[in-house]
Amino acid sequence: MNKGELVDSVAAKANITKKQADEVISAFLEIVTEAVANGEKVIPILYEDAPN
């Protein structure tokens, strides 16, 4: 899945515009990129009951 496909899926699931979905995804990616650049550990949570 590329970013465009992700934007489409998020927009559809959240009932928001593709522009809004793109803004949210871009902000999320910026936050994660900055955290990694600062040496922080980033753990993707794929399931609600995933261990911390």
C-alpha atoms as a PDB file:
ATOM      1  CA  MET A   1       0.000   0.000   0.000  1.00  0.00           C
ATOM      2  CA  ASN A   2       1.416   3.375  -0.971  1.00  0.00           C
ATOM      3  CA  LYS A   3       0.603   6.732   0.635  1.00  0.00           C
ATOM      4  CA  GLY A   4      -2.100   7.554  -1.922  1.00  0.00           C
ATOM      5  CA  GLU A   5      -3.875   4.280  -1.233  1.00  0.00           C
ATOM      6  CA  LEU A   6      -3.572   4.867   2.505  1.00  0.00           C
ATOM      7  CA  VAL A   7      -5.038   8.359   2.121  1.00  0.00           C
ATOM      8  CA  ASP A   8      -7.971   6.930   0.169  1.00  0.00           C
ATOM      9  CA  SER A   9      -8.601   4.241   2.797  1.00  0.00           C
ATOM     10  CA  VAL A  10      -8.363   6.597   5.758  1.00  0.00           C
ATOM     11  CA  ALA A  11     -10.652   9.120   4.076  1.00  0.00           C
ATOM     12  CA  ALA A  12     -13.248   6.440   3.420  1.00  0.00           C
ATOM     13  CA  LYS A  13     -13.063   4.845   6.894  1.00  0.00           C
ATOM     14  CA  ALA A  14     -13.079   8.161   8.787  1.00  0.00           C
ATOM     15  CA  ASN A  15     -15.623   9.789   6.486  1.00  0.00           C
ATOM     16  CA  ILE A  16     -13.320  12.751   5.859  1.00  0.00           C
ATOM     17  CA  THR A  17     -11.931  14.324   2.709  1.00  0.00           C
ATOM     18  CA  LYS A  18      -8.822  12.985   1.047  1.00  0.00           C
ATOM     19  CA  LYS A  19      -7.154  16.340   1.773  1.00  0.00           C
ATOM     20  CA  GLN A  20      -7.904  15.980   5.481  1.00  0.00           C
ATOM     21  CA  ALA A  21      -6.677  12.394   5.505  1.00  0.00           C
ATOM     22  CA  ASP A  22      -3.472  13.428   3.715  1.00  0.00           C
ATOM     23  CA  GLU A  23      -2.858  16.177   6.287  1.00  0.00           C
ATOM     24  CA  VAL A  24      -3.304  13.752   9.181  1.00  0.00           C
ATOM     25  CA  ILE A  25      -1.094  11.078   7.628  1.00  0.00           C
ATOM     26  CA  SER A  26       1.590  13.626   6.741  1.00  0.00           C
ATOM     27  CA  ALA A  27       1.566  14.966  10.311  1.00  0.00           C
ATOM     28  CA  PHE A  28       1.808  11.432  11.690  1.00  0.00           C
ATOM     29  CA  LEU A  29       4.750  10.575   9.434  1.00  0.00           C
ATOM     30  CA  GLU A  30       6.504  13.818  10.378  1.00  0.00           C
ATOM     31  CA  ILE A  31       6.100  13.059  14.090  1.00  0.00           C
ATOM     32  CA  VAL A  32       7.413   9.506  13.693  1.00  0.00           C
ATOM     33  CA  THR A  33      10.330  10.659  11.519  1.00  0.00           C
ATOM     34  CA  GLU A  34      11.318  13.308  14.077  1.00  0.00           C
ATOM     35  CA  ALA A  35      11.102  10.806  16.921  1.00  0.00           C
ATOM     36  CA  VAL A  36      13.326   8.311  15.120  1.00  0.00           C
ATOM     37  CA  ALA A  37      15.781  11.082  14.196  1.00  0.00           C
ATOM     38  CA  ASN A  38      15.967  11.992  17.889  1.00  0.00           C
ATOM     39  CA  GLY A  39      16.800   8.403  18.807  1.00  0.00           C
ATOM     40  CA  GLU A  40      13.406   7.638  20.285  1.00  0.00           C
ATOM     41  CA  LYS A  41      11.972   4.158  20.050  1.00  0.00           C
ATOM     42  CA  VAL A  42       8.848   3.976  17.882  1.00  0.00           C
ATOM     43  CA  ILE A  43       6.687   0.914  18.336  1.00  0.00           C
ATOM     44  CA  PRO A  44       3.855   0.408  15.851  1.00  0.00           C
ATOM     45  CA  ILE A  45       0.681  -0.619  17.610  1.00  0.00           C
ATOM     46  CA  LEU A  46      -1.248  -2.820  15.212  1.00  0.00           C
ATOM     47  CA  TYR A  47      -3.586  -4.399  17.715  1.00  0.00           C
ATOM     48  CA  GLU A  48      -5.341  -2.897  20.694  1.00  0.00           C
ATOM     49  CA  ASP A  49      -3.936  -5.568  23.030  1.00  0.00           C
ATOM     50  CA  ALA A  50      -0.351  -5.392  21.738  1.00  0.00           C
ATOM     51  CA  PRO A  51       2.302  -5.369  24.498  1.00  0.00           C
ATOM     52  CA  ASN A  52       3.953  -2.012  25.255  1.00  0.00           C
END
